């Protein structure tokens, strides 16, 4: 039995389906958040800890 390439593609982040963001209802309002499993890249990153603190963002200025 063969599987299609898309169903066996482990490089796409499964939780966000490759979009890099998720919809959160935390706080009572729906809003988009960066996917903690891929960091917004949409690509699976082996060994990434989704519960770890996000890296600091560059200061806007």
C-alpha atoms as a PDB file:
ATOM      1  CA  UNK A   1       0.000   0.000   0.000  1.00  0.00           C
ATOM      2  CA  UNK A   2       1.373   3.435  -0.877  1.00  0.00           C
ATOM      3  CA  UNK A   3       0.715   6.757   0.828  1.00  0.00           C
ATOM      4  CA  UNK A   4       0.449  10.118  -0.826  1.00  0.00           C
ATOM      5  CA  UNK A   5       3.271  12.599  -0.330  1.00  0.00           C
ATOM      6  CA  UNK A   6       1.019  15.115   1.436  1.00  0.00           C
ATOM      7  CA  UNK A   7      -0.211  12.633   4.057  1.00  0.00           C
ATOM      8  CA  UNK A   8       3.334  11.501   4.813  1.00  0.00           C
ATOM      9  CA  UNK A   9       4.986  14.956   4.720  1.00  0.00           C
ATOM     10  CA  UNK A  10       6.500  15.336   8.189  1.00  0.00           C
ATOM     11  CA  UNK A  11       8.037  18.720   7.392  1.00  0.00           C
ATOM     12  CA  UNK A  12       4.699  20.573   7.666  1.00  0.00           C
ATOM     13  CA  UNK A  13       3.695  21.609  11.194  1.00  0.00           C
ATOM     14  CA  UNK A  14       0.645  19.517  12.045  1.00  0.00           C
ATOM     15  CA  UNK A  15      -0.997  21.729  14.730  1.00  0.00           C
ATOM     16  CA  UNK A  16      -1.154  24.839  12.492  1.00  0.00           C
ATOM     17  CA  UNK A  17      -1.290  22.890   9.196  1.00  0.00           C
ATOM     18  CA  UNK A  18       1.643  24.883   7.859  1.00  0.00           C
ATOM     19  CA  UNK A  19       0.085  28.315   8.383  1.00  0.00           C
ATOM     20  CA  UNK A  20       2.328  29.391  11.290  1.00  0.00           C
ATOM     21  CA  UNK A  21      -0.582  30.634  13.377  1.00  0.00           C
ATOM     22  CA  UNK A  22      -3.474  29.315  15.432  1.00  0.00           C
ATOM     23  CA  UNK A  23      -6.769  30.822  16.554  1.00  0.00           C
ATOM     24  CA  UNK A  24      -6.981  31.222  20.319  1.00  0.00           C
ATOM     25  CA  UNK A  25     -10.101  31.851  22.359  1.00  0.00           C
ATOM     26  CA  UNK A  26      -8.095  32.579  25.504  1.00  0.00           C
ATOM     27  CA  UNK A  27      -9.469  35.645  27.249  1.00  0.00           C
ATOM     28  CA  UNK A  28     -12.912  35.308  25.691  1.00  0.00           C
ATOM     29  CA  UNK A  29     -12.108  36.801  22.289  1.00  0.00           C
ATOM     30  CA  UNK A  30     -10.892  34.950  19.219  1.00  0.00           C
ATOM     31  CA  UNK A  31      -7.487  36.108  18.051  1.00  0.00           C
ATOM     32  CA  UNK A  32      -4.583  34.781  16.034  1.00  0.00           C
ATOM     33  CA  UNK A  33      -1.422  33.654  17.838  1.00  0.00           C
ATOM     34  CA  UNK A  34       1.925  32.399  16.578  1.00  0.00           C
ATOM     35  CA  UNK A  35       2.045  28.615  16.591  1.00  0.00           C
ATOM     36  CA  UNK A  36       4.226  27.514  19.536  1.00  0.00           C
ATOM     37  CA  UNK A  37       5.139  24.218  17.854  1.00  0.00           C
ATOM     38  CA  UNK A  38       6.836  25.770  14.818  1.00  0.00           C
ATOM     39  CA  UNK A  39       7.423  29.341  15.978  1.00  0.00           C
ATOM     40  CA  UNK A  40       5.454  30.704  13.043  1.00  0.00           C
ATOM     41  CA  UNK A  41       7.497  29.060  10.307  1.00  0.00           C
ATOM     42  CA  UNK A  42       4.836  26.486   9.397  1.00  0.00           C
ATOM     43  CA  UNK A  43       7.555  23.831   9.230  1.00  0.00           C
ATOM     44  CA  UNK A  44       8.029  20.980  11.724  1.00  0.00           C
ATOM     45  CA  UNK A  45      11.040  21.541  13.993  1.00  0.00           C
ATOM     46  CA  UNK A  46      12.251  18.361  15.668  1.00  0.00           C
ATOM     47  CA  UNK A  47      12.991  18.837  19.344  1.00  0.00           C
ATOM     48  CA  UNK A  48      11.156  22.165  19.662  1.00  0.00           C
ATOM     49  CA  UNK A  49       9.460  22.553  23.062  1.00  0.00           C
ATOM     50  CA  UNK A  50       6.092  24.273  22.552  1.00  0.00           C
ATOM     51  CA  UNK A  51       5.868  24.923  26.307  1.00  0.00           C
ATOM     52  CA  UNK A  52       9.214  26.721  26.489  1.00  0.00           C
ATOM     53  CA  UNK A  53       9.297  30.496  26.575  1.00  0.00           C
ATOM     54  CA  UNK A  54       9.247  32.108  23.150  1.00  0.00           C
ATOM     55  CA  UNK A  55      12.474  33.805  22.082  1.00  0.00           C
ATOM     56  CA  UNK A  56      12.431  37.564  22.682  1.00  0.00           C
ATOM     57  CA  UNK A  57      11.165  39.685  19.816  1.00  0.00           C
ATOM     58  CA  UNK A  58      13.319  42.368  18.236  1.00  0.00           C
ATOM     59  CA  UNK A  59      12.502  45.799  19.600  1.00  0.00           C
ATOM     60  CA  UNK A  60      10.388  47.898  17.253  1.00  0.00           C
ATOM     61  CA  UNK A  61      11.712  51.313  16.708  1.00  0.00           C
END
